Amino acid sequence: MSLKTEDKILRVNNQLCYFSMNGKYLAIAFQINLIIKDVKTWNVFRSFVFSDIIEYIEWAPNSEYILCANITKATVQVYSLIYPQWKFKFTEGSAGLESITWSPNSKHLLTLSEFNIQISIWSLEDNSVLHIPNLKSSVFNKLMFSPNDDRLAVIVTDNGHETVDIYKTSHWKISRKLICERLNSISGISWSPNNDLLCIWCSLSDESKLIIYSTLKEKNIGIFFPLKSKNISDVVNDKVRELKGIENVKWSTSGQLLAVIGFNEMIVVLNHITWDPILQLYLEPVISENNYLNKVYKECVVHSKHSVKPSILCSKHTLEEENDRPLNIKIGKIDNGNQISIAKIDILEYSSCGRYLAIKHQLYPSTLWIWDLTADYIDYLLLQNNITAIKWNPAYTHLLVFCECAYIFEWTPDKATCLSTPNSITALNAHWHYNGKQFILYGYNKVAICQIENKS
């Protein structure tokens, strides 16, 4: 793959630059200015001026509206691409503003207040506002829309009792209240890709449990407890490991597999029929001597003398396949000032085809595991700097990896390579165009629009 920069380097506020959902426009936020460009011509299509520094932007699902927000001052304004003179603006009250997002129909905005006091649902049509109170404050995914966008699930707590409330997005009225008596606590929820199943789990180590609720049958159809080893010799020989707690879950794109992440560097994959484990992966710190089927790509630095000035040494970063075994995986530095948090898996993303799962653990911040779920093989990327983000191509089996340096690391099932960034931008993250041929490369307060030249 080679990169071509489509436009000059653009200045932005904190990575606030996104393609619209339909791929026709590019939104750029810089200071108080919001610029909308046409992706085909790169000409300015619309420009707007916000009342304060723009801290957040988000395209509406229909790509006709875009919101700007200053989270600090709890101010939100919506702009229309079709009717640029129209505006919708509001300011949250004493409850403050933690986050904001669009409803699936592009007719409402949902704001989450500070301390999770409530969700407010603002109507763009009649300026009315509805509230969902009593959100559970300790969970990270407090609300989740179903993939077909017709339902919203939230975790609420009332007088010490926790429930999952399901709302119809057509009228924002509650349609189901799931009591979940089998769970001592509700730590998270996740919709299946086919909209029919809702995964609900408890993370507590000694009481961890996961249930699968069917919205069609209106009952629980599956339950999973973390694996319990019966033979102590198996544990000693590392043949069977116990999944400790449930940190998070992730559905595959097909909905046929459910990855369950524990608190002990372990992942198990459940099938969608019996909800029993069919695969498991333990993120070991050593690539063992008998591990020759899996590929290991290691970042190397090649030094060469500059042809014009022989006295100057130039370095080039490459990814080379490493065949030596065993190999130790670099362990990250422990932050002694942060003794409360527990190291966990902070990246777990399926490829668009659903066959591969990319994984990064905070204990090994410069290593990426790429798990082939069909063949049960692992590709390793051993990099020199800590991985800040990854982005799967939405149209191809193709992965970009970013390490807060002037290089982009790319992986495909056939190879892994290293690319220099345009103008030596420090690469932090990226945002793909839905066609998989363009992406926005994010640096520090600047972006570059990159074209993949050899993707058909």
Protein backbone atom coordinates (compact mmCIF):
# COMPACT_ATOMS: atom_id res chain seq x y z
CA MET A 1 0.00 0.00 0.00
CA SER A 2 1.16 3.55 -0.68
CA LEU A 3 -0.28 6.82 0.56
CA LYS A 4 -1.13 9.99 -1.32
CA THR A 5 -2.06 13.16 0.53
CA GLU A 6 -5.26 14.56 -0.99
CA ASP A 7 -5.09 18.00 0.56
CA LYS A 8 -2.70 20.17 2.50
CA ILE A 9 -2.29 19.63 6.20
CA LEU A 10 -5.36 20.98 8.02
CA ARG A 11 -5.48 22.56 11.46
CA VAL A 12 -8.25 21.20 13.70
CA ASN A 13 -9.40 21.18 17.32
CA ASN A 14 -8.43 17.92 19.02
CA GLN A 15 -9.02 15.52 16.09
CA LEU A 16 -12.42 17.05 15.27
CA CYS A 17 -12.53 16.14 11.58
CA TYR A 18 -14.94 13.48 10.23
CA PHE A 19 -16.49 12.22 7.03
CA SER A 20 -20.29 12.39 6.91
CA MET A 21 -22.19 9.10 7.11
CA ASN A 22 -22.93 9.13 3.38
CA GLY A 23 -19.30 9.93 2.59
CA LYS A 24 -20.08 13.10 0.62
CA TYR A 25 -18.75 15.70 3.06
CA LEU A 26 -15.87 16.37 5.40
CA ALA A 27 -16.41 18.40 8.59
CA ILE A 28 -13.48 20.35 10.06
CA ALA A 29 -13.64 22.15 13.41
CA PHE A 30 -10.97 24.75 14.14
CA GLN A 31 -11.36 27.15 17.07
CA ILE A 32 -14.95 28.51 16.67
CA ASN A 33 -15.23 27.69 12.96
CA LEU A 34 -16.95 24.68 11.40
CA ILE A 35 -16.03 24.08 7.75
CA ILE A 36 -17.88 21.55 5.56
CA LYS A 37 -16.02 20.44 2.42
CA ASP A 38 -17.23 18.50 -0.60
CA VAL A 39 -15.21 15.26 -0.73
CA LYS A 40 -15.22 15.11 -4.56
CA THR A 41 -13.92 18.63 -5.18
CA TRP A 42 -12.48 19.51 -1.74
CA ASN A 43 -14.15 22.90 -2.10
CA VAL A 44 -15.87 24.53 0.88
CA PHE A 45 -19.58 23.63 0.78
CA ARG A 46 -20.74 25.33 3.99
CA SER A 47 -19.15 27.27 6.82
CA PHE A 48 -20.56 28.07 10.26
CA VAL A 49 -19.41 30.02 13.31
CA PHE A 50 -20.06 28.55 16.75
CA SER A 51 -20.54 30.70 19.84
CA ASP A 52 -17.46 29.28 21.61
CA ILE A 53 -14.47 26.98 21.11
CA ILE A 54 -15.74 23.79 19.51
CA GLU A 55 -14.98 20.80 21.74
CA TYR A 56 -17.13 18.17 20.01
CA ILE A 57 -18.86 17.58 16.67
CA GLU A 58 -21.00 14.72 15.38
CA TRP A 59 -22.73 14.08 12.08
CA ALA A 60 -26.40 13.13 12.10
CA PRO A 61 -27.09 9.64 10.67
CA ASN A 62 -28.86 11.22 7.67
CA SER A 63 -25.81 13.47 6.95
CA GLU A 64 -28.11 16.52 6.69
CA TYR A 65 -27.30 17.92 10.13
CA ILE A 66 -24.21 18.30 12.26
CA LEU A 67 -23.96 19.25 15.92
CA CYS A 68 -21.31 21.36 17.65
CA ALA A 69 -20.83 21.42 21.39
CA ASN A 70 -18.77 23.07 24.06
CA ILE A 71 -18.93 20.42 26.78
CA THR A 72 -17.36 22.69 29.40
CA LYS A 73 -20.10 25.31 29.05
CA ALA A 74 -22.83 22.73 28.25
CA THR A 75 -23.74 24.52 25.01
CA VAL A 76 -24.99 22.64 21.94
CA GLN A 77 -25.93 23.91 18.48
CA VAL A 78 -27.17 22.03 15.40
CA TYR A 79 -26.59 23.21 11.83
CA SER A 80 -28.38 22.18 8.64
CA LEU A 81 -26.53 21.63 5.37
CA ILE A 82 -29.71 22.03 3.34
CA TYR A 83 -31.05 25.10 5.19
CA PRO A 84 -27.93 26.92 6.46
CA GLN A 85 -29.97 29.73 8.05
CA TRP A 86 -31.80 27.29 10.34
CA LYS A 87 -30.33 26.70 13.78
CA PHE A 88 -31.21 24.65 16.84
CA LYS A 89 -29.45 25.65 20.05
CA PHE A 90 -29.79 24.84 23.74
CA THR A 91 -27.81 24.92 26.97
CA GLU A 92 -28.03 22.22 29.62
CA GLY A 93 -29.00 23.48 33.05
CA SER A 94 -27.47 22.87 36.45
CA ALA A 95 -27.13 19.14 35.69
CA GLY A 96 -24.25 19.92 33.33
CA LEU A 97 -23.22 18.04 30.21
CA GLU A 98 -21.05 14.92 30.07
CA SER A 99 -21.73 13.70 26.53
CA ILE A 100 -24.12 14.06 23.61
CA THR A 101 -25.17 11.92 20.65
CA TRP A 102 -27.74 11.73 17.87
CA SER A 103 -30.83 9.57 17.87
CA PRO A 104 -30.96 7.10 14.96
CA ASN A 105 -33.74 9.06 13.16
CA SER A 106 -31.73 12.34 13.21
CA LYS A 107 -34.70 14.07 14.83
CA HIS A 108 -33.52 14.01 18.45
CA LEU A 109 -30.39 14.66 20.50
CA LEU A 110 -29.57 12.66 23.62
CA THR A 111 -27.50 14.36 26.29
CA LEU A 112 -26.05 12.66 29.36
CA SER A 113 -25.77 14.93 32.37
CA GLU A 114 -22.85 15.05 34.77
CA PHE A 115 -22.83 12.35 37.45
CA ASN A 116 -25.32 10.44 35.25
CA ILE A 117 -28.29 12.18 36.85
CA GLN A 118 -30.38 11.71 33.71
CA ILE A 119 -30.58 11.38 29.94
CA SER A 120 -32.33 14.26 28.19
CA ILE A 121 -33.96 13.66 24.79
CA TRP A 122 -34.28 16.91 22.82
CA SER A 123 -36.61 17.12 19.84
CA LEU A 124 -35.51 19.17 16.84
CA GLU A 125 -39.08 19.27 15.54
CA ASP A 126 -41.03 20.78 18.44
CA ASN A 127 -38.26 21.79 20.94
CA SER A 128 -39.68 19.44 23.57
CA VAL A 129 -37.47 17.52 25.98
CA LEU A 130 -37.97 14.16 27.73
CA HIS A 131 -35.89 12.70 30.57
CA ILE A 132 -34.74 9.22 31.59
CA PRO A 133 -33.61 9.43 35.23
CA ASN A 134 -31.65 7.17 37.59
CA LEU A 135 -28.88 5.89 35.33
CA LYS A 136 -26.41 3.58 37.01
CA SER A 137 -23.36 5.75 37.59
CA SER A 138 -20.68 3.05 37.71
CA VAL A 139 -21.11 1.54 34.24
CA PHE A 140 -19.21 2.70 31.17
CA ASN A 141 -21.83 1.93 28.49
CA LYS A 142 -24.86 3.55 30.05
CA LEU A 143 -27.01 3.53 26.93
CA MET A 144 -26.93 1.50 23.75
CA PHE A 145 -29.03 1.62 20.59
CA SER A 146 -29.95 -1.59 18.81
CA PRO A 147 -28.22 -1.97 15.40
CA ASN A 148 -31.52 -1.38 13.56
CA ASP A 149 -31.95 1.74 15.72
CA ASP A 150 -35.52 1.06 16.84
CA ARG A 151 -34.69 0.44 20.52
CA LEU A 152 -32.58 2.02 23.23
CA ALA A 153 -31.36 0.00 26.22
CA VAL A 154 -30.18 1.70 29.42
CA ILE A 155 -29.08 0.46 32.83
CA VAL A 156 -30.96 2.18 35.63
CA THR A 157 -30.93 1.85 39.39
CA ASP A 158 -33.88 2.74 41.61
CA ASN A 159 -33.87 2.23 45.37
CA GLY A 160 -30.98 -0.20 45.10
CA HIS A 161 -32.63 -2.32 42.39
CA GLU A 162 -30.94 -2.46 39.00
CA THR A 163 -32.84 -3.09 35.77
CA VAL A 164 -32.33 -2.83 32.02
CA ASP A 165 -35.00 -0.58 30.52
CA ILE A 166 -35.72 -0.84 26.80
CA TYR A 167 -37.31 2.14 25.04
CA LYS A 168 -38.87 2.35 21.59
CA THR A 169 -37.10 5.15 19.73
CA SER A 170 -40.22 5.90 17.67
CA HIS A 171 -41.99 7.42 20.70
CA TRP A 172 -39.42 7.14 23.54
CA LYS A 173 -41.75 5.11 25.73
CA ILE A 174 -40.52 2.15 27.75
CA SER A 175 -41.44 -1.20 26.19
CA ARG A 176 -39.61 -3.66 28.46
CA LYS A 177 -38.12 -3.62 31.95
CA LEU A 178 -35.71 -6.52 32.49
CA ILE A 179 -35.34 -7.39 36.17
CA CYS A 180 -32.29 -9.71 35.71
CA GLU A 181 -32.75 -11.52 39.03
CA ARG A 182 -29.96 -13.95 38.14
CA LEU A 183 -27.40 -11.15 38.27
CA ASN A 184 -26.27 -9.62 41.55
CA SER A 185 -25.28 -6.48 39.68
CA ILE A 186 -25.57 -5.24 36.09
CA SER A 187 -22.19 -4.12 34.77
CA GLY A 188 -22.86 -3.83 31.05
CA ILE A 189 -25.13 -4.50 28.07
CA SER A 190 -24.53 -5.18 24.38
CA TRP A 191 -26.92 -5.73 21.45
CA SER A 192 -26.27 -8.51 18.95
CA PRO A 193 -25.79 -7.40 15.31
CA ASN A 194 -29.16 -8.94 14.31
CA ASN A 195 -31.00 -6.79 16.92
CA ASP A 196 -32.72 -9.80 18.50
CA LEU A 197 -30.42 -10.54 21.43
CA LEU A 198 -29.24 -8.45 24.34
CA CYS A 199 -26.19 -9.56 26.30
CA ILE A 200 -26.28 -8.51 29.98
CA TRP A 201 -23.47 -9.27 32.41
CA CYS A 202 -22.15 -8.91 35.93
CA SER A 203 -18.41 -8.21 36.25
CA LEU A 204 -17.88 -9.09 39.92
CA SER A 205 -15.06 -11.64 40.08
CA ASP A 206 -16.74 -14.10 42.44
CA GLU A 207 -20.25 -13.60 41.03
CA SER A 208 -19.53 -12.96 37.33
CA LYS A 209 -22.25 -14.18 35.02
CA LEU A 210 -23.57 -13.42 31.56
CA ILE A 211 -27.15 -13.88 30.32
CA ILE A 212 -28.54 -13.65 26.80
CA TYR A 213 -32.03 -12.15 26.52
CA SER A 214 -34.10 -12.67 23.36
CA THR A 215 -36.40 -9.81 22.42
CA LEU A 216 -38.33 -12.14 20.10
CA LYS A 217 -39.02 -14.83 22.68
CA GLU A 218 -39.05 -12.28 25.53
CA LYS A 219 -37.00 -14.52 27.80
CA ASN A 220 -33.43 -15.52 28.60
CA ILE A 221 -32.15 -18.11 26.12
CA GLY A 222 -28.56 -18.53 27.32
CA ILE A 223 -26.31 -18.18 30.32
CA PHE A 224 -22.53 -18.34 30.74
CA PHE A 225 -20.34 -18.64 33.82
CA PRO A 226 -16.57 -18.11 33.53
CA LEU A 227 -14.70 -21.39 33.10
CA LYS A 228 -14.01 -23.36 36.25
CA SER A 229 -11.00 -25.67 36.16
CA LYS A 230 -11.69 -29.04 37.80
CA ASN A 231 -8.21 -30.53 37.50
CA ILE A 232 -5.48 -28.63 39.32
CA SER A 233 -2.80 -30.33 37.20
CA ASP A 234 -4.37 -28.80 34.11
CA VAL A 235 -4.00 -25.37 35.64
CA VAL A 236 -0.36 -26.01 36.49
CA ASN A 237 0.33 -27.24 32.96
CA ASP A 238 -1.53 -24.27 31.45
CA LYS A 239 -3.88 -26.59 29.56
CA VAL A 240 -6.95 -24.97 31.03
CA ARG A 241 -7.13 -21.50 32.54
CA GLU A 242 -9.92 -19.95 34.50
CA LEU A 243 -11.52 -16.80 33.18
CA LYS A 244 -11.57 -14.41 36.12
CA GLY A 245 -14.51 -12.05 36.05
CA ILE A 246 -16.11 -10.44 33.00
CA GLU A 247 -14.55 -7.13 32.07
CA ASN A 248 -16.33 -6.65 28.74
CA VAL A 249 -17.88 -8.48 25.79
CA LYS A 250 -17.74 -8.03 22.02
CA TRP A 251 -20.02 -9.48 19.33
CA SER A 252 -18.56 -10.58 16.01
CA THR A 253 -19.94 -8.82 12.93
CA SER A 254 -22.07 -11.87 12.08
CA GLY A 255 -23.40 -12.25 15.62
CA GLN A 256 -22.37 -15.92 15.68
CA LEU A 257 -19.49 -15.40 18.10
CA LEU A 258 -19.31 -13.52 21.37
CA ALA A 259 -15.90 -12.68 22.84
CA VAL A 260 -15.84 -12.47 26.64
CA ILE A 261 -12.89 -10.61 28.19
CA GLY A 262 -11.71 -11.44 31.69
CA PHE A 263 -9.56 -9.51 34.16
CA ASN A 264 -6.62 -11.92 33.80
CA GLU A 265 -5.36 -11.30 30.23
CA MET A 266 -7.73 -13.95 28.93
CA ILE A 267 -10.47 -14.05 26.28
CA VAL A 268 -12.97 -16.83 25.58
CA VAL A 269 -15.18 -16.98 22.49
CA LEU A 270 -18.72 -18.37 22.82
CA ASN A 271 -20.85 -19.79 20.02
CA HIS A 272 -24.38 -18.45 19.48
CA ILE A 273 -26.19 -21.79 19.79
CA THR A 274 -25.14 -23.33 23.12
CA TRP A 275 -23.27 -20.27 24.47
CA ASP A 276 -20.35 -22.54 25.37
CA PRO A 277 -16.68 -21.62 24.81
CA ILE A 278 -15.20 -22.82 21.53
CA LEU A 279 -11.92 -20.83 21.61
CA GLN A 280 -9.77 -19.23 24.25
CA LEU A 281 -6.70 -17.04 24.18
CA TYR A 282 -4.34 -16.17 27.00
CA LEU A 283 -2.06 -13.20 26.37
CA GLU A 284 1.21 -14.73 27.49
CA PRO A 285 4.37 -12.63 27.88
CA VAL A 286 6.48 -15.19 25.98
CA ILE A 287 6.14 -16.55 22.45
CA SER A 288 7.22 -20.12 23.16
CA GLU A 289 9.78 -22.30 21.39
CA ASN A 290 7.15 -24.55 19.80
CA ASN A 291 5.16 -21.59 18.49
CA TYR A 292 6.29 -21.53 14.84
CA LEU A 293 2.94 -21.50 13.06
CA ASN A 294 2.17 -17.97 14.19
CA LYS A 295 3.77 -14.98 12.45
CA VAL A 296 5.73 -12.40 14.40
CA TYR A 297 6.41 -8.99 12.85
CA LYS A 298 8.97 -6.88 14.69
CA GLU A 299 9.71 -3.21 14.17
CA CYS A 300 13.32 -2.66 13.20
CA VAL A 301 15.37 0.46 12.52
CA VAL A 302 17.74 0.36 9.55
CA HIS A 303 20.47 3.01 9.54
CA SER A 304 22.00 4.18 6.28
CA LYS A 305 24.24 7.07 5.25
CA HIS A 306 22.61 9.88 3.30
CA SER A 307 23.70 9.79 -0.35
CA VAL A 308 24.13 13.58 -0.56
CA LYS A 309 25.81 14.09 2.79
CA PRO A 310 27.63 10.85 3.71
CA SER A 311 28.30 12.14 7.22
CA ILE A 312 24.56 12.16 8.02
CA LEU A 313 23.00 8.89 9.19
CA CYS A 314 19.39 8.35 8.14
CA SER A 315 17.13 5.79 9.78
CA LYS A 316 14.26 3.88 8.26
CA HIS A 317 11.67 1.91 10.22
CA THR A 318 10.51 -1.44 8.85
CA LEU A 319 8.46 -4.42 9.97
CA GLU A 320 10.38 -7.67 9.56
CA GLU A 321 9.20 -11.20 10.22
CA GLU A 322 10.98 -12.68 13.23
CA ASN A 323 11.60 -16.44 13.23
CA ASP A 324 13.62 -16.83 16.42
CA ARG A 325 11.90 -18.49 19.39
CA PRO A 326 11.33 -18.04 22.26
CA LEU A 327 10.58 -14.32 22.21
CA ASN A 328 9.82 -12.15 25.20
CA ILE A 329 7.03 -9.61 24.82
CA LYS A 330 7.95 -6.22 26.25
CA ILE A 331 6.07 -5.34 29.43
CA GLY A 332 5.08 -1.70 29.87
CA LYS A 333 6.21 0.54 32.68
CA ILE A 334 3.98 0.54 35.75
CA ASP A 335 2.63 3.94 36.79
CA ASN A 336 3.39 4.02 40.51
CA GLY A 337 1.19 7.06 40.92
CA ASN A 338 -1.88 5.13 39.76
CA GLN A 339 -2.32 2.20 42.13
CA ILE A 340 -6.10 2.03 41.91
CA SER A 341 -6.72 1.04 38.29
CA ILE A 342 -6.15 -2.52 37.07
CA ALA A 343 -4.37 -3.19 33.78
CA LYS A 344 -6.88 -4.45 31.24
CA ILE A 345 -7.52 -5.12 27.57
CA ASP A 346 -8.12 -1.66 26.13
CA ILE A 347 -8.34 -2.59 22.42
CA LEU A 348 -10.53 -5.43 21.15
CA GLU A 349 -11.84 -4.94 17.60
CA TYR A 350 -13.16 -7.32 14.94
CA SER A 351 -12.23 -6.91 11.29
CA SER A 352 -15.04 -5.98 8.91
CA CYS A 353 -15.19 -9.61 7.69
CA GLY A 354 -15.42 -10.84 11.29
CA ARG A 355 -12.63 -13.40 10.92
CA TYR A 356 -9.91 -11.49 12.79
CA LEU A 357 -9.79 -9.97 16.25
CA ALA A 358 -7.17 -7.35 17.13
CA ILE A 359 -6.22 -7.18 20.82
CA LYS A 360 -4.02 -4.97 22.98
CA HIS A 361 -3.48 -5.23 26.73
CA GLN A 362 -2.23 -2.41 28.93
CA LEU A 363 0.46 -4.71 30.37
CA TYR A 364 1.96 -5.00 26.87
CA PRO A 365 1.31 -1.54 25.40
CA SER A 366 3.56 -1.94 22.32
CA THR A 367 2.26 -5.38 21.24
CA LEU A 368 -0.79 -6.20 19.13
CA TRP A 369 -2.29 -9.69 18.91
CA ILE A 370 -4.23 -10.37 15.69
CA TRP A 371 -6.26 -13.54 16.21
CA ASP A 372 -7.51 -15.57 13.25
CA LEU A 373 -10.68 -17.06 14.73
CA THR A 374 -11.16 -19.50 11.85
CA ALA A 375 -7.70 -21.09 11.96
CA ASP A 376 -6.97 -20.22 15.62
CA TYR A 377 -3.62 -18.66 14.68
CA ILE A 378 -2.03 -15.49 15.99
CA ASP A 379 -0.08 -12.77 14.23
CA TYR A 380 1.98 -10.57 16.53
CA LEU A 381 3.07 -6.98 15.92
CA LEU A 382 5.98 -6.13 18.23
CA LEU A 383 6.50 -2.37 18.00
CA GLN A 384 8.91 0.02 19.69
CA ASN A 385 6.40 2.62 20.89
CA ASN A 386 3.12 2.25 22.74
CA ILE A 387 0.10 1.64 20.51
CA THR A 388 -2.36 4.53 20.77
CA ALA A 389 -5.09 3.28 18.40
CA ILE A 390 -5.98 0.84 15.63
CA LYS A 391 -8.48 1.15 12.78
CA TRP A 392 -9.85 -1.70 10.66
CA ASN A 393 -10.66 -0.85 7.06
CA PRO A 394 -14.48 -1.00 6.67
CA ALA A 395 -14.28 -2.52 3.17
CA TYR A 396 -11.16 -4.74 3.21
CA THR A 397 -9.31 -7.04 5.59
CA HIS A 398 -6.75 -4.38 6.29
CA LEU A 399 -5.62 -2.84 9.58
CA LEU A 400 -3.84 0.40 10.46
CA VAL A 401 -1.93 0.70 13.74
CA PHE A 402 -0.77 3.98 15.33
CA CYS A 403 1.99 4.50 17.89
CA GLU A 404 2.33 8.27 18.40
CA CYS A 405 5.23 8.44 15.95
CA ALA A 406 5.82 9.49 12.33
CA TYR A 407 4.96 6.02 11.01
CA ILE A 408 1.80 4.05 10.27
CA PHE A 409 1.92 0.28 10.62
CA GLU A 410 -0.41 -1.69 8.38
CA TRP A 411 -1.36 -5.36 8.51
CA THR A 412 -3.10 -7.72 6.08
CA PRO A 413 -3.33 -11.53 6.27
CA ASP A 414 -0.40 -11.72 3.84
CA LYS A 415 2.05 -9.19 5.22
CA ALA A 416 2.77 -6.27 7.54
CA THR A 417 4.53 -3.06 6.51
CA CYS A 418 5.58 0.33 7.85
CA LEU A 419 4.75 3.63 6.13
CA SER A 420 6.02 7.15 6.75
CA THR A 421 3.33 9.72 7.50
CA PRO A 422 2.78 12.77 5.26
CA ASN A 423 4.97 15.69 6.37
CA SER A 424 6.16 13.48 9.26
CA ILE A 425 2.89 14.00 11.17
CA THR A 426 2.86 12.24 14.53
CA ALA A 427 0.15 9.64 13.89
CA LEU A 428 -2.33 9.26 16.75
CA ASN A 429 -5.44 7.77 15.12
CA ALA A 430 -7.51 7.70 11.93
CA HIS A 431 -11.07 7.81 10.60
CA TRP A 432 -11.95 5.77 7.49
CA HIS A 433 -14.20 6.79 4.64
CA TYR A 434 -16.81 4.06 4.21
CA ASN A 435 -15.34 3.10 0.79
CA GLY A 436 -12.11 1.95 2.48
CA LYS A 437 -9.94 3.96 0.07
CA GLN A 438 -9.53 7.19 2.03
CA PHE A 439 -8.89 8.01 5.65
CA ILE A 440 -8.27 11.01 7.86
CA LEU A 441 -4.92 10.79 9.64
CA TYR A 442 -5.00 12.52 13.02
CA GLY A 443 -1.95 14.23 14.50
CA TYR A 444 -1.59 16.84 17.22
CA ASN A 445 -4.20 19.48 16.27
CA LYS A 446 -3.67 18.73 12.59
CA VAL A 447 -4.94 16.18 10.09
CA ALA A 448 -4.08 14.91 6.61
CA ILE A 449 -6.51 13.32 4.15
CA CYS A 450 -4.83 10.21 2.79
CA GLN A 451 -5.67 8.14 -0.29
CA ILE A 452 -4.75 4.46 -0.61
CA GLU A 453 -3.44 4.26 -4.14
CA ASN A 454 -3.36 0.53 -4.82
CA LYS A 455 -6.77 -0.52 -3.43
CA SER A 456 -9.14 -1.52 -6.24
